[in-house]
Amino acid sequence: MRPGRALMGEAAALASALCWAGTSVGMARLSARYGGAVLSSLRFLIASPLVIALMLVTGSGSQLTEAAPRTLGLIALSACIGYGIGDTAYIQALPRVGLQRMAPTTTALWVALSAGGGVLLLDEPAGWALVAGGVAVVAGTYLIVAARAGAMPGPNDLERLGTLPTLGVLIAVASAWAAATLLLAGGRGDLGAFAVSAVRIPAGGLVIAVTAIAASRGAVFRRLPSAADLPLVLALGVGGTAVGSVLYIYAVAEAGAARAVILNSTSPLMVVPLSMYFLGERPTALVGAGTALCVLGTLLVIALG
């Protein structure tokens, strides 16, 4: 029988996938109108006061005062790499690569690199169920995203990136996410999820904001979201970034990097019932097959992995 804390971590990974599923459509909708750096920095700057307040309310602040400088540095570095490079590059490239090519490929690479790194570098346990479950989740995610993205408008021929630039973006994004996950898992020490989030989220938002302001020489302020888009941006910052990130950090700490990324990558599966309920979409055969594979892979990881 799996330890209770590990099961809680796996549940948190699935809950964070649900949070990010609820914000994925909003991010794709906004990325065509605003720069990736603008959206990323606003999300994390909105989430920062919330996670700091949660840390103080839960009494986790003392963990930071007792933490070694190396631990805090690794957490901040994971934010710079994962949020500053990975998320921003993903959002920036989405309009020119297309969701159908971007989402399933980066997810598959991220899962493979993170799970492999967790086993090889962090000595996390692995077995046939973890490998089989990971493959099933990645395959199911691909089918779900491919089925949904096929109906969405993609970049035209003038806007679309070429093969080599696209390959470079996909590898860079997945590598940044994987490196950030492994740094978080191996470098957080004994810090809890709230303490880690209180360092990681503000650090990510600050780095992205400073970089965006410097690179654009202040022009970024002329591309801030309009009043009509501001409620959606606030929702993305609170739900997707604050709540989703805290749950994901807890999942990595308790379930391990390999299991956390596999279960978290079921986010496209979570989109299916949401789109059916809120948007009236009907599932296709590909979505049904992908859903079955994701459910099978999740059960393998939780029950036997």
C-alpha atoms as a PDB file:
ATOM      1  CA  MET A   1       0.000   0.000   0.000  1.00  0.00           C
ATOM      2  CA  ARG A   2       1.310   3.448  -0.964  1.00  0.00           C
ATOM      3  CA  PRO A   3       2.077   5.938   1.873  1.00  0.00           C
ATOM      4  CA  GLY A   4      -0.662   8.449   2.639  1.00  0.00           C
ATOM      5  CA  ARG A   5       1.512  11.492   1.878  1.00  0.00           C
ATOM      6  CA  ALA A   6       2.440  10.068  -1.527  1.00  0.00           C
ATOM      7  CA  LEU A   7      -1.235   9.567  -2.342  1.00  0.00           C
ATOM      8  CA  MET A   8      -1.965  13.141  -1.247  1.00  0.00           C
ATOM      9  CA  GLY A   9       0.818  14.327  -3.533  1.00  0.00           C
ATOM     10  CA  GLU A  10      -0.633  12.401  -6.459  1.00  0.00           C
ATOM     11  CA  ALA A  11      -4.070  13.888  -5.736  1.00  0.00           C
ATOM     12  CA  ALA A  12      -2.489  17.359  -5.682  1.00  0.00           C
ATOM     13  CA  ALA A  13      -0.891  16.700  -9.082  1.00  0.00           C
ATOM     14  CA  LEU A  14      -4.310  15.863 -10.541  1.00  0.00           C
ATOM     15  CA  ALA A  15      -5.858  18.933  -8.865  1.00  0.00           C
ATOM     16  CA  SER A  16      -3.150  21.190 -10.312  1.00  0.00           C
ATOM     17  CA  ALA A  17      -3.854  19.682 -13.739  1.00  0.00           C
ATOM     18  CA  LEU A  18      -7.496  20.712 -13.287  1.00  0.00           C
ATOM     19  CA  CYS A  19      -6.458  24.267 -12.355  1.00  0.00           C
ATOM     20  CA  TRP A  20      -4.268  24.587 -15.436  1.00  0.00           C
ATOM     21  CA  ALA A  21      -6.959  23.053 -17.652  1.00  0.00           C
ATOM     22  CA  GLY A  22      -9.297  25.836 -16.622  1.00  0.00           C
ATOM     23  CA  THR A  23      -6.783  28.496 -17.637  1.00  0.00           C
ATOM     24  CA  SER A  24      -5.325  26.952 -20.823  1.00  0.00           C
ATOM     25  CA  VAL A  25      -8.072  28.238 -23.112  1.00  0.00           C
ATOM     26  CA  GLY A  26      -7.819  31.703 -21.596  1.00  0.00           C
ATOM     27  CA  MET A  27      -4.067  31.830 -22.163  1.00  0.00           C
ATOM     28  CA  ALA A  28      -4.439  30.744 -25.795  1.00  0.00           C
ATOM     29  CA  ARG A  29      -7.118  33.388 -26.264  1.00  0.00           C
ATOM     30  CA  LEU A  30      -5.019  36.201 -24.770  1.00  0.00           C
ATOM     31  CA  SER A  31      -1.646  35.254 -26.297  1.00  0.00           C
ATOM     32  CA  ALA A  32      -2.676  36.513 -29.729  1.00  0.00           C
ATOM     33  CA  ARG A  33      -3.274  40.028 -28.346  1.00  0.00           C
ATOM     34  CA  TYR A  34      -0.508  40.419 -25.762  1.00  0.00           C
ATOM     35  CA  GLY A  35       3.119  39.404 -25.517  1.00  0.00           C
ATOM     36  CA  GLY A  36       4.131  36.284 -23.627  1.00  0.00           C
ATOM     37  CA  ALA A  37       6.266  38.275 -21.211  1.00  0.00           C
ATOM     38  CA  VAL A  38       3.357  40.585 -20.381  1.00  0.00           C
ATOM     39  CA  LEU A  39       0.969  37.730 -19.613  1.00  0.00           C
ATOM     40  CA  SER A  40       3.525  35.701 -17.664  1.00  0.00           C
ATOM     41  CA  SER A  41       4.712  38.584 -15.488  1.00  0.00           C
ATOM     42  CA  LEU A  42       1.166  39.748 -14.731  1.00  0.00           C
ATOM     43  CA  ARG A  43       0.053  36.237 -13.759  1.00  0.00           C
ATOM     44  CA  PHE A  44       2.884  35.808 -11.298  1.00  0.00           C
ATOM     45  CA  LEU A  45       2.739  39.337  -9.909  1.00  0.00           C
ATOM     46  CA  ILE A  46      -0.999  38.843  -9.261  1.00  0.00           C
ATOM     47  CA  ALA A  47      -0.357  35.497  -7.570  1.00  0.00           C
ATOM     48  CA  SER A  48       2.564  36.702  -5.425  1.00  0.00           C
ATOM     49  CA  PRO A  49       0.608  38.530  -2.676  1.00  0.00           C
ATOM     50  CA  LEU A  50      -1.745  35.571  -2.368  1.00  0.00           C
ATOM     51  CA  VAL A  51       0.957  32.930  -1.856  1.00  0.00           C
ATOM     52  CA  ILE A  52       2.860  35.175   0.577  1.00  0.00           C
ATOM     53  CA  ALA A  53      -0.349  35.659   2.590  1.00  0.00           C
ATOM     54  CA  LEU A  54      -0.950  31.893   2.584  1.00  0.00           C
ATOM     55  CA  MET A  55       2.587  31.334   3.863  1.00  0.00           C
ATOM     56  CA  LEU A  56       2.073  33.771   6.725  1.00  0.00           C
ATOM     57  CA  VAL A  57      -1.371  32.458   7.648  1.00  0.00           C
ATOM     58  CA  THR A  58      -0.141  28.854   7.766  1.00  0.00           C
ATOM     59  CA  GLY A  59       2.924  29.780   9.835  1.00  0.00           C
ATOM     60  CA  SER A  60       5.365  28.642   7.166  1.00  0.00           C
ATOM     61  CA  GLY A  61       7.388  31.855   7.256  1.00  0.00           C
ATOM     62  CA  SER A  62       9.814  30.470   9.839  1.00  0.00           C
ATOM     63  CA  GLN A  63      10.904  27.848   7.307  1.00  0.00           C
ATOM     64  CA  LEU A  64      12.358  30.565   5.095  1.00  0.00           C
ATOM     65  CA  THR A  65      14.345  32.179   7.892  1.00  0.00           C
ATOM     66  CA  GLU A  66      15.910  28.808   8.704  1.00  0.00           C
ATOM     67  CA  ALA A  67      16.564  27.770   5.100  1.00  0.00           C
ATOM     68  CA  ALA A  68      20.090  27.716   3.691  1.00  0.00           C
ATOM     69  CA  PRO A  69      20.941  30.360   1.066  1.00  0.00           C
ATOM     70  CA  ARG A  70      21.691  27.570  -1.430  1.00  0.00           C
ATOM     71  CA  THR A  71      18.165  26.207  -1.012  1.00  0.00           C
ATOM     72  CA  LEU A  72      16.573  29.596  -1.621  1.00  0.00           C
ATOM     73  CA  GLY A  73      18.862  30.166  -4.600  1.00  0.00           C
ATOM     74  CA  LEU A  74      17.905  26.871  -6.234  1.00  0.00           C
ATOM     75  CA  ILE A  75      14.211  27.586  -5.759  1.00  0.00           C
ATOM     76  CA  ALA A  76      14.591  31.036  -7.326  1.00  0.00           C
ATOM     77  CA  LEU A  77      16.645  29.553 -10.172  1.00  0.00           C
ATOM     78  CA  SER A  78      13.932  26.984 -10.865  1.00  0.00           C
ATOM     79  CA  ALA A  79      11.458  29.862 -11.185  1.00  0.00           C
ATOM     80  CA  CYS A  80      13.682  31.782 -13.580  1.00  0.00           C
ATOM     81  CA  ILE A  81      14.132  28.737 -15.809  1.00  0.00           C
ATOM     82  CA  GLY A  82      10.621  27.287 -15.667  1.00  0.00           C
ATOM     83  CA  TYR A  83       8.588  30.485 -15.612  1.00  0.00           C
ATOM     84  CA  GLY A  84      10.985  33.001 -17.136  1.00  0.00           C
ATOM     85  CA  ILE A  85      12.122  30.824 -20.043  1.00  0.00           C
ATOM     86  CA  GLY A  86       9.670  27.925 -20.361  1.00  0.00           C
ATOM     87  CA  ASP A  87       6.273  29.567 -19.849  1.00  0.00           C
ATOM     88  CA  THR A  88       7.162  32.797 -21.640  1.00  0.00           C
ATOM     89  CA  ALA A  89       8.602  30.990 -24.673  1.00  0.00           C
ATOM     90  CA  TYR A  90       5.533  28.732 -24.816  1.00  0.00           C
ATOM     91  CA  ILE A  91       3.077  31.633 -24.773  1.00  0.00           C
ATOM     92  CA  GLN A  92       5.163  33.691 -27.200  1.00  0.00           C
ATOM     93  CA  ALA A  93       5.510  30.867 -29.718  1.00  0.00           C
ATOM     94  CA  LEU A  94       1.921  29.578 -29.493  1.00  0.00           C
ATOM     95  CA  PRO A  95       0.472  31.881 -32.188  1.00  0.00           C
ATOM     96  CA  ARG A  96       3.318  31.015 -34.622  1.00  0.00           C
ATOM     97  CA  VAL A  97       3.594  27.283 -33.935  1.00  0.00           C
ATOM     98  CA  GLY A  98      -0.047  26.378 -33.348  1.00  0.00           C
ATOM     99  CA  LEU A  99      -1.644  24.574 -30.434  1.00  0.00           C
ATOM    100  CA  GLN A 100      -1.825  21.264 -32.312  1.00  0.00           C
ATOM    101  CA  ARG A 101       1.957  21.068 -32.702  1.00  0.00           C
ATOM    102  CA  MET A 102       2.900  22.909 -29.519  1.00  0.00           C
ATOM    103  CA  ALA A 103       0.875  21.324 -26.700  1.00  0.00           C
ATOM    104  CA  PRO A 104       1.236  17.560 -27.238  1.00  0.00           C
ATOM    105  CA  THR A 105       4.906  17.705 -28.217  1.00  0.00           C
ATOM    106  CA  THR A 106       6.089  19.864 -25.338  1.00  0.00           C
ATOM    107  CA  THR A 107       4.022  17.776 -22.915  1.00  0.00           C
ATOM    108  CA  ALA A 108       5.535  14.517 -24.154  1.00  0.00           C
ATOM    109  CA  LEU A 109       9.092  15.869 -23.998  1.00  0.00           C
ATOM    110  CA  TRP A 110       8.530  17.410 -20.556  1.00  0.00           C
ATOM    111  CA  VAL A 111       7.166  14.159 -19.132  1.00  0.00           C
ATOM    112  CA  ALA A 112       9.983  12.090 -20.628  1.00  0.00           C
ATOM    113  CA  LEU A 113      12.772  14.423 -19.487  1.00  0.00           C
ATOM    114  CA  SER A 114      11.348  15.019 -15.997  1.00  0.00           C
ATOM    115  CA  ALA A 115      10.429  11.410 -15.288  1.00  0.00           C
ATOM    116  CA  GLY A 116      13.760  10.163 -16.610  1.00  0.00           C
ATOM    117  CA  GLY A 117      15.645  12.807 -14.647  1.00  0.00           C
ATOM    118  CA  GLY A 118      13.753  11.989 -11.473  1.00  0.00           C
ATOM    119  CA  VAL A 119      14.700   8.334 -11.758  1.00  0.00           C
ATOM    120  CA  LEU A 120      18.305   8.817 -12.892  1.00  0.00           C
ATOM    121  CA  LEU A 121      19.325  11.939 -10.960  1.00  0.00           C
ATOM    122  CA  LEU A 122      17.116  11.875  -7.862  1.00  0.00           C
ATOM    123  CA  ASP A 123      16.949   8.096  -7.343  1.00  0.00           C
ATOM    124  CA  GLU A 124      13.156   8.048  -7.448  1.00  0.00           C
ATOM    125  CA  PRO A 125      11.591   4.561  -7.656  1.00  0.00           C
ATOM    126  CA  ALA A 126      10.544   3.335 -11.084  1.00  0.00           C
ATOM    127  CA  GLY A 127       8.889   0.222 -12.454  1.00  0.00           C
ATOM    128  CA  TRP A 128       6.947  -1.072 -15.425  1.00  0.00           C
ATOM    129  CA  ALA A 129       3.708   0.567 -14.228  1.00  0.00           C
ATOM    130  CA  LEU A 130       5.298   4.031 -14.068  1.00  0.00           C
ATOM    131  CA  VAL A 131       6.731   3.664 -17.592  1.00  0.00           C
ATOM    132  CA  ALA A 132       3.528   2.170 -19.032  1.00  0.00           C
ATOM    133  CA  GLY A 133       1.369   4.755 -17.272  1.00  0.00           C
ATOM    134  CA  GLY A 134       3.544   7.597 -18.535  1.00  0.00           C
ATOM    135  CA  VAL A 135       3.376   6.347 -22.120  1.00  0.00           C
ATOM    136  CA  ALA A 136      -0.408   5.928 -21.898  1.00  0.00           C
ATOM    137  CA  VAL A 137      -0.889   9.448 -20.487  1.00  0.00           C
ATOM    138  CA  VAL A 138       1.328  11.041 -23.148  1.00  0.00           C
ATOM    139  CA  ALA A 139      -0.429   9.129 -25.955  1.00  0.00           C
ATOM    140  CA  GLY A 140      -3.862   9.985 -24.582  1.00  0.00           C
ATOM    141  CA  THR A 141      -2.910  13.647 -24.194  1.00  0.00           C
ATOM    142  CA  TYR A 142      -1.749  13.743 -27.804  1.00  0.00           C
ATOM    143  CA  LEU A 143      -5.053  12.349 -29.083  1.00  0.00           C
ATOM    144  CA  ILE A 144      -7.138  14.759 -26.988  1.00  0.00           C
ATOM    145  CA  VAL A 145      -5.133  17.850 -27.921  1.00  0.00           C
ATOM    146  CA  ALA A 146      -4.905  16.869 -31.591  1.00  0.00           C
ATOM    147  CA  ALA A 147      -8.664  16.367 -31.781  1.00  0.00           C
ATOM    148  CA  ARG A 148      -9.418  19.726 -30.129  1.00  0.00           C
ATOM    149  CA  ALA A 149      -6.689  21.735 -31.858  1.00  0.00           C
ATOM    150  CA  GLY A 150      -7.741  20.542 -35.292  1.00  0.00           C
ATOM    151  CA  ALA A 151     -10.870  22.694 -35.042  1.00  0.00           C
ATOM    152  CA  MET A 152      -8.982  25.793 -33.890  1.00  0.00           C
ATOM    153  CA  PRO A 153      -7.491  28.374 -36.271  1.00  0.00           C
ATOM    154  CA  GLY A 154      -3.752  27.967 -36.674  1.00  0.00           C
ATOM    155  CA  PRO A 155      -1.028  30.312 -37.868  1.00  0.00           C
ATOM    156  CA  ASN A 156      -1.050  31.134 -41.566  1.00  0.00           C
ATOM    157  CA  ASP A 157       1.903  30.362 -43.817  1.00  0.00           C
ATOM    158  CA  LEU A 158       3.492  33.785 -43.328  1.00  0.00           C
ATOM    159  CA  GLU A 159       3.312  33.618 -39.541  1.00  0.00           C
ATOM    160  CA  ARG A 160       4.198  29.944 -39.071  1.00  0.00           C
ATOM    161  CA  LEU A 161       7.710  29.121 -37.879  1.00  0.00           C
ATOM    162  CA  GLY A 162       9.832  26.811 -40.012  1.00  0.00           C
ATOM    163  CA  THR A 163      10.667  23.238 -39.080  1.00  0.00           C
ATOM    164  CA  LEU A 164      14.025  23.867 -37.418  1.00  0.00           C
ATOM    165  CA  PRO A 165      12.922  26.951 -35.431  1.00  0.00           C
ATOM    166  CA  THR A 166       9.819  25.059 -34.303  1.00  0.00           C
ATOM    167  CA  LEU A 167      11.921  22.086 -33.213  1.00  0.00           C
ATOM    168  CA  GLY A 168      14.223  24.424 -31.297  1.00  0.00           C
ATOM    169  CA  VAL A 169      11.299  26.091 -29.491  1.00  0.00           C
ATOM    170  CA  LEU A 170       9.719  22.753 -28.554  1.00  0.00           C
ATOM    171  CA  ILE A 171      12.980  21.376 -27.137  1.00  0.00           C
ATOM    172  CA  ALA A 172      13.807  24.634 -25.324  1.00  0.00           C
ATOM    173  CA  VAL A 173      10.380  24.869 -23.650  1.00  0.00           C
ATOM    174  CA  ALA A 174      10.282  21.220 -22.545  1.00  0.00           C
ATOM    175  CA  SER A 175      13.902  21.325 -21.341  1.00  0.00           C
ATOM    176  CA  ALA A 176      13.235  24.470 -19.303  1.00  0.00           C
ATOM    177  CA  TRP A 177      10.181  22.927 -17.653  1.00  0.00           C
ATOM    178  CA  ALA A 178      12.040  19.690 -16.901  1.00  0.00           C
ATOM    179  CA  ALA A 179      15.108  21.474 -15.510  1.00  0.00           C
ATOM    180  CA  ALA A 180      12.898  23.632 -13.285  1.00  0.00           C
ATOM    181  CA  THR A 181      11.032  20.581 -11.988  1.00  0.00           C
ATOM    182  CA  LEU A 182      14.224  18.686 -11.166  1.00  0.00           C
ATOM    183  CA  LEU A 183      15.800  21.727  -9.489  1.00  0.00           C
ATOM    184  CA  LEU A 184      12.661  22.129  -7.393  1.00  0.00           C
ATOM    185  CA  ALA A 185      12.506  18.452  -6.438  1.00  0.00           C
ATOM    186  CA  GLY A 186      16.187  18.150  -5.605  1.00  0.00           C
ATOM    187  CA  GLY A 187      16.886  21.566  -4.119  1.00  0.00           C
ATOM    188  CA  ARG A 188      13.894  22.520  -1.973  1.00  0.00           C
ATOM    189  CA  GLY A 189      15.282  20.841   1.156  1.00  0.00           C
ATOM    190  CA  ASP A 190      12.664  20.564   3.903  1.00  0.00           C
ATOM    191  CA  LEU A 191      10.635  23.579   2.798  1.00  0.00           C
ATOM    192  CA  GLY A 192       6.890  23.082   2.481  1.00  0.00           C
ATOM    193  CA  ALA A 193       4.751  24.024  -0.518  1.00  0.00           C
ATOM    194  CA  PHE A 194       3.677  27.427   0.835  1.00  0.00           C
ATOM    195  CA  ALA A 195       7.226  28.488   1.697  1.00  0.00           C
ATOM    196  CA  VAL A 196       8.543  27.357  -1.685  1.00  0.00           C
ATOM    197  CA  SER A 197       5.706  29.135  -3.514  1.00  0.00           C
ATOM    198  CA  ALA A 198       6.373  32.362  -1.586  1.00  0.00           C
ATOM    199  CA  VAL A 199       9.879  32.384  -3.078  1.00  0.00           C
ATOM    200  CA  ARG A 200       9.302  30.776  -6.465  1.00  0.00           C
ATOM    201  CA  ILE A 201       6.271  32.690  -7.727  1.00  0.00           C
ATOM    202  CA  PRO A 202       7.451  36.246  -6.853  1.00  0.00           C
ATOM    203  CA  ALA A 203      10.924  35.439  -8.219  1.00  0.00           C
ATOM    204  CA  GLY A 204       9.464  34.241 -11.506  1.00  0.00           C
ATOM    205  CA  GLY A 205       7.195  37.243 -11.896  1.00  0.00           C
ATOM    206  CA  LEU A 206       9.928  39.725 -10.986  1.00  0.00           C
ATOM    207  CA  VAL A 207      12.462  38.268 -13.418  1.00  0.00           C
ATOM    208  CA  ILE A 208       9.959  38.218 -16.281  1.00  0.00           C
ATOM    209  CA  ALA A 209       8.744  41.763 -15.568  1.00  0.00           C
ATOM    210  CA  VAL A 210      12.249  43.269 -15.330  1.00  0.00           C
ATOM    211  CA  THR A 211      13.371  41.466 -18.480  1.00  0.00           C
ATOM    212  CA  ALA A 212      10.285  42.564 -20.414  1.00  0.00           C
ATOM    213  CA  ILE A 213      10.654  46.197 -19.345  1.00  0.00           C
ATOM    214  CA  ALA A 214      14.367  46.267 -20.190  1.00  0.00           C
ATOM    215  CA  ALA A 215      14.000  44.492 -23.542  1.00  0.00           C
ATOM    216  CA  SER A 216      11.148  46.731 -24.692  1.00  0.00           C
ATOM    217  CA  ARG A 217      12.561  49.924 -23.123  1.00  0.00           C
ATOM    218  CA  GLY A 218       9.284  50.461 -21.327  1.00  0.00           C
ATOM    219  CA  ALA A 219       7.087  49.844 -24.373  1.00  0.00           C
ATOM    220  CA  VAL A 220       5.569  46.857 -22.591  1.00  0.00           C
ATOM    221  CA  PHE A 221       3.403  49.248 -20.558  1.00  0.00           C
ATOM    222  CA  ARG A 222       1.554  50.204 -23.754  1.00  0.00           C
ATOM    223  CA  ARG A 223       0.491  46.565 -24.253  1.00  0.00           C
ATOM    224  CA  LEU A 224      -1.127  45.930 -20.882  1.00  0.00           C
ATOM    225  CA  PRO A 225      -4.488  44.104 -20.900  1.00  0.00           C
ATOM    226  CA  SER A 226      -7.590  46.153 -21.523  1.00  0.00           C
ATOM    227  CA  ALA A 227     -10.331  46.586 -18.942  1.00  0.00           C
ATOM    228  CA  ALA A 228     -12.367  43.919 -20.727  1.00  0.00           C
ATOM    229  CA  ASP A 229      -9.545  41.354 -20.461  1.00  0.00           C
ATOM    230  CA  LEU A 230      -8.457  42.237 -16.930  1.00  0.00           C
ATOM    231  CA  PRO A 231     -10.920  39.882 -15.109  1.00  0.00           C
ATOM    232  CA  LEU A 232      -9.633  36.954 -17.153  1.00  0.00           C
ATOM    233  CA  VAL A 233      -6.025  37.884 -16.385  1.00  0.00           C
ATOM    234  CA  LEU A 234      -6.859  38.087 -12.658  1.00  0.00           C
ATOM    235  CA  ALA A 235      -8.530  34.680 -12.799  1.00  0.00           C
ATOM    236  CA  LEU A 236      -5.485  33.201 -14.520  1.00  0.00           C
ATOM    237  CA  GLY A 237      -3.182  34.658 -11.882  1.00  0.00           C
ATOM    238  CA  VAL A 238      -5.193  33.436  -8.896  1.00  0.00           C
ATOM    239  CA  GLY A 239      -6.520  30.098 -10.143  1.00  0.00           C
ATOM    240  CA  GLY A 240      -3.933  28.900 -12.616  1.00  0.00           C
ATOM    241  CA  THR A 241      -0.771  30.358 -11.107  1.00  0.00           C
ATOM    242  CA  ALA A 242      -1.290  30.697  -7.346  1.00  0.00           C
ATOM    243  CA  VAL A 243      -3.494  27.691  -6.597  1.00  0.00           C
ATOM    244  CA  GLY A 244      -2.187  25.505  -9.418  1.00  0.00           C
ATOM    245  CA  SER A 245       1.465  26.168  -8.600  1.00  0.00           C
ATOM    246  CA  VAL A 246       1.072  25.500  -4.870  1.00  0.00           C
ATOM    247  CA  LEU A 247      -0.623  22.189  -5.633  1.00  0.00           C
ATOM    248  CA  TYR A 248       2.075  21.248  -8.149  1.00  0.00           C
ATOM    249  CA  ILE A 249       4.908  22.081  -5.741  1.00  0.00           C
ATOM    250  CA  TYR A 250       3.234  19.970  -3.062  1.00  0.00           C
ATOM    251  CA  ALA A 251       2.870  17.131  -5.575  1.00  0.00           C
ATOM    252  CA  VAL A 252       6.557  17.222  -6.517  1.00  0.00           C
ATOM    253  CA  ALA A 253       7.553  17.251  -2.852  1.00  0.00           C
ATOM    254  CA  GLU A 254       5.316  14.368  -1.773  1.00  0.00           C
ATOM    255  CA  ALA A 255       4.908  12.178  -4.858  1.00  0.00           C
ATOM    256  CA  GLY A 256       8.259  12.834  -6.574  1.00  0.00           C
ATOM    257  CA  ALA A 257       9.067  14.557  -9.862  1.00  0.00           C
ATOM    258  CA  ALA A 258       8.371  11.525 -12.067  1.00  0.00           C
ATOM    259  CA  ARG A 259       4.855  10.825 -10.769  1.00  0.00           C
ATOM    260  CA  ALA A 260       3.957  14.490 -10.392  1.00  0.00           C
ATOM    261  CA  VAL A 261       4.710  15.393 -14.014  1.00  0.00           C
ATOM    262  CA  ILE A 262       2.941  12.320 -15.408  1.00  0.00           C
ATOM    263  CA  LEU A 263      -0.245  12.982 -13.429  1.00  0.00           C
ATOM    264  CA  ASN A 264      -0.061  16.739 -13.998  1.00  0.00           C
ATOM    265  CA  SER A 265       0.180  16.199 -17.757  1.00  0.00           C
ATOM    266  CA  THR A 266      -3.426  14.935 -17.744  1.00  0.00           C
ATOM    267  CA  SER A 267      -4.521  18.582 -17.935  1.00  0.00           C
ATOM    268  CA  PRO A 268      -5.957  18.205 -21.479  1.00  0.00           C
ATOM    269  CA  LEU A 269      -8.111  15.359 -20.143  1.00  0.00           C
ATOM    270  CA  MET A 270      -9.599  17.776 -17.601  1.00  0.00           C
ATOM    271  CA  VAL A 271     -10.539  20.153 -20.430  1.00  0.00           C
ATOM    272  CA  VAL A 272     -12.940  17.610 -21.971  1.00  0.00           C
ATOM    273  CA  PRO A 273     -15.748  17.733 -19.340  1.00  0.00           C
ATOM    274  CA  LEU A 274     -15.262  21.488 -18.885  1.00  0.00           C
ATOM    275  CA  SER A 275     -15.692  22.132 -22.603  1.00  0.00           C
ATOM    276  CA  MET A 276     -18.724  19.836 -22.756  1.00  0.00           C
ATOM    277  CA  TYR A 277     -20.421  21.604 -19.828  1.00  0.00           C
ATOM    278  CA  PHE A 278     -19.510  25.242 -20.486  1.00  0.00           C
ATOM    279  CA  LEU A 279     -19.078  25.298 -24.282  1.00  0.00           C
ATOM    280  CA  GLY A 280     -21.468  22.573 -25.385  1.00  0.00           C
ATOM    281  CA  GLU A 281     -18.756  20.706 -27.290  1.00  0.00           C
ATOM    282  CA  ARG A 282     -19.295  17.077 -28.256  1.00  0.00           C
ATOM    283  CA  PRO A 283     -16.524  14.520 -27.777  1.00  0.00           C
ATOM    284  CA  THR A 284     -15.127  12.740 -30.834  1.00  0.00           C
ATOM    285  CA  ALA A 285     -13.770   9.226 -31.206  1.00  0.00           C
ATOM    286  CA  LEU A 286     -10.203  10.562 -30.803  1.00  0.00           C
ATOM    287  CA  VAL A 287     -11.156  12.347 -27.585  1.00  0.00           C
ATOM    288  CA  GLY A 288     -12.792   9.168 -26.297  1.00  0.00           C
ATOM    289  CA  ALA A 289      -9.714   7.081 -27.064  1.00  0.00           C
ATOM    290  CA  GLY A 290      -7.420   9.686 -25.533  1.00  0.00           C
ATOM    291  CA  THR A 291      -9.558   9.886 -22.424  1.00  0.00           C
ATOM    292  CA  ALA A 292      -9.432   6.108 -21.978  1.00  0.00           C
ATOM    293  CA  LEU A 293      -5.639   6.086 -22.315  1.00  0.00           C
ATOM    294  CA  CYS A 294      -5.215   8.952 -19.824  1.00  0.00           C
ATOM    295  CA  VAL A 295      -7.482   7.276 -17.281  1.00  0.00           C
ATOM    296  CA  LEU A 296      -5.659   3.947 -17.723  1.00  0.00           C
ATOM    297  CA  GLY A 297      -2.254   5.602 -17.366  1.00  0.00           C
ATOM    298  CA  THR A 298      -3.347   7.526 -14.275  1.00  0.00           C
ATOM    299  CA  LEU A 299      -4.648   4.367 -12.626  1.00  0.00           C
ATOM    300  CA  LEU A 300      -1.412   2.526 -13.411  1.00  0.00           C
ATOM    301  CA  VAL A 301       0.731   5.282 -11.876  1.00  0.00           C
ATOM    302  CA  ILE A 302      -1.405   5.649  -8.727  1.00  0.00           C
ATOM    303  CA  ALA A 303      -2.290   2.016  -8.089  1.00  0.00           C
ATOM    304  CA  LEU A 304       0.813   0.162  -9.285  1.00  0.00           C
ATOM    305  CA  GLY A 305       3.503   2.765  -9.971  1.00  0.00           C
END
